[in-house]
Amino acid sequence: MGVKFYSSFSDNSILISSTLESHAALQTAIRDPKFQVVRNPPRRSPVEAWQSHKWRIGERQAQGLTVRKISSFADYVEISQRDELDLKARMTLFDMTS
């Protein structure tokens, strides 16, 4: 069990930060444009994950991206589904390389 933070950007990418140590092994870089998911390495606490998440937001804004507002349950569902698809792709890749 853990905490996830999501942010969506103007290029349709999403940033995900969490406290889920089980995702540490899935940090491989997948450059599939249909997913566009950037994952922060898991942090030990929600405070550390949030601080790291805010730092990465700033980094991406410095690259010219803007944060898109996540304002509805439908927005959350769409991001959550992309998160799950990305995790499945990473798990498949991890299984194939292990």
Protein backbone atom coordinates (compact mmCIF):
# COMPACT_ATOMS: atom_id res chain seq x y z
CA MET A 1 0.00 0.00 0.00
CA GLY A 2 1.25 3.49 -0.74
CA VAL A 3 0.61 6.96 -2.08
CA LYS A 4 0.77 8.21 -5.69
CA PHE A 5 0.94 11.75 -6.98
CA TYR A 6 -0.06 12.49 -10.58
CA SER A 7 0.56 15.55 -12.76
CA SER A 8 -0.43 15.99 -16.39
CA PHE A 9 1.43 18.26 -18.82
CA SER A 10 0.76 20.21 -22.00
CA ASP A 11 2.50 17.56 -24.16
CA ASN A 12 0.03 14.95 -22.82
CA SER A 13 2.72 13.32 -20.68
CA ILE A 14 2.11 12.43 -17.05
CA LEU A 15 4.45 12.46 -14.07
CA ILE A 16 3.91 9.86 -11.36
CA SER A 17 5.60 9.89 -7.98
CA SER A 18 4.90 7.35 -5.26
CA THR A 19 5.90 5.57 -2.09
CA LEU A 20 5.46 2.14 -3.70
CA GLU A 21 8.78 0.33 -3.26
CA SER A 22 7.46 -2.50 -5.44
CA HIS A 23 7.80 -0.12 -8.43
CA ALA A 24 11.54 0.44 -7.88
CA ALA A 25 12.47 -2.40 -10.23
CA LEU A 26 10.25 -0.95 -12.95
CA GLN A 27 12.23 2.26 -13.46
CA THR A 28 13.41 1.18 -16.91
CA ALA A 29 13.00 3.85 -19.56
CA ILE A 30 10.15 3.15 -21.94
CA ARG A 31 9.94 5.69 -24.72
CA ASP A 32 6.61 4.64 -26.19
CA PRO A 33 4.84 7.85 -27.29
CA LYS A 34 1.38 6.44 -26.63
CA PHE A 35 2.17 6.20 -22.91
CA GLN A 36 4.37 9.27 -22.25
CA VAL A 37 4.72 8.37 -18.60
CA VAL A 38 7.55 9.76 -16.49
CA ARG A 39 8.08 7.96 -13.19
CA ASN A 40 10.01 9.24 -10.23
CA PRO A 41 11.83 6.58 -8.22
CA PRO A 42 9.75 5.60 -5.16
CA ARG A 43 10.35 7.55 -1.95
CA ARG A 44 10.08 6.38 1.64
CA SER A 45 7.36 8.77 2.77
CA PRO A 46 4.54 10.79 1.23
CA VAL A 47 6.39 14.00 2.18
CA GLU A 48 9.55 12.89 0.34
CA ALA A 49 7.49 11.73 -2.66
CA TRP A 50 5.65 15.07 -2.81
CA GLN A 51 8.88 17.09 -2.55
CA SER A 52 10.44 15.04 -5.35
CA HIS A 53 7.26 15.36 -7.41
CA LYS A 54 7.27 19.17 -7.07
CA TRP A 55 10.96 19.29 -8.04
CA ARG A 56 10.29 17.24 -11.19
CA ILE A 57 7.32 19.48 -12.06
CA GLY A 58 9.68 22.46 -11.89
CA GLU A 59 12.21 20.64 -14.05
CA ARG A 60 9.60 19.91 -16.71
CA GLN A 61 8.27 23.48 -16.58
CA ALA A 62 11.82 24.71 -17.18
CA GLN A 63 11.71 22.62 -20.38
CA GLY A 64 8.70 24.67 -21.51
CA LEU A 65 5.89 22.34 -20.44
CA THR A 66 2.86 23.56 -18.53
CA VAL A 67 0.86 21.64 -15.96
CA ARG A 68 -2.64 20.72 -17.08
CA LYS A 69 -5.40 20.90 -14.51
CA ILE A 70 -6.78 17.55 -13.32
CA SER A 71 -10.21 18.71 -12.26
CA SER A 72 -12.63 15.84 -12.64
CA PHE A 73 -13.00 12.21 -11.75
CA ALA A 74 -12.86 11.40 -15.48
CA ASP A 75 -9.44 13.11 -15.67
CA TYR A 76 -8.23 10.98 -12.77
CA VAL A 77 -9.60 7.78 -14.34
CA GLU A 78 -7.85 8.53 -17.65
CA ILE A 79 -4.50 9.12 -15.90
CA SER A 80 -4.95 6.07 -13.71
CA GLN A 81 -5.63 3.89 -16.77
CA ARG A 82 -2.50 5.21 -18.49
CA ASP A 83 -0.56 4.47 -15.29
CA GLU A 84 -1.82 0.87 -15.27
CA LEU A 85 -1.03 0.35 -18.99
CA ASP A 86 2.47 1.70 -18.45
CA LEU A 87 3.01 -0.55 -15.42
CA LYS A 88 1.90 -3.61 -17.40
CA ALA A 89 4.28 -2.70 -20.25
CA ARG A 90 7.15 -2.21 -17.79
CA MET A 91 6.38 -5.50 -16.02
CA THR A 92 6.38 -7.33 -19.37
CA LEU A 93 9.69 -5.74 -20.33
CA PHE A 94 11.14 -6.51 -16.89
CA ASP A 95 10.02 -10.16 -17.15
CA MET A 96 11.56 -10.47 -20.61
CA THR A 97 14.93 -9.11 -19.46
CA SER A 98 15.10 -11.04 -16.16
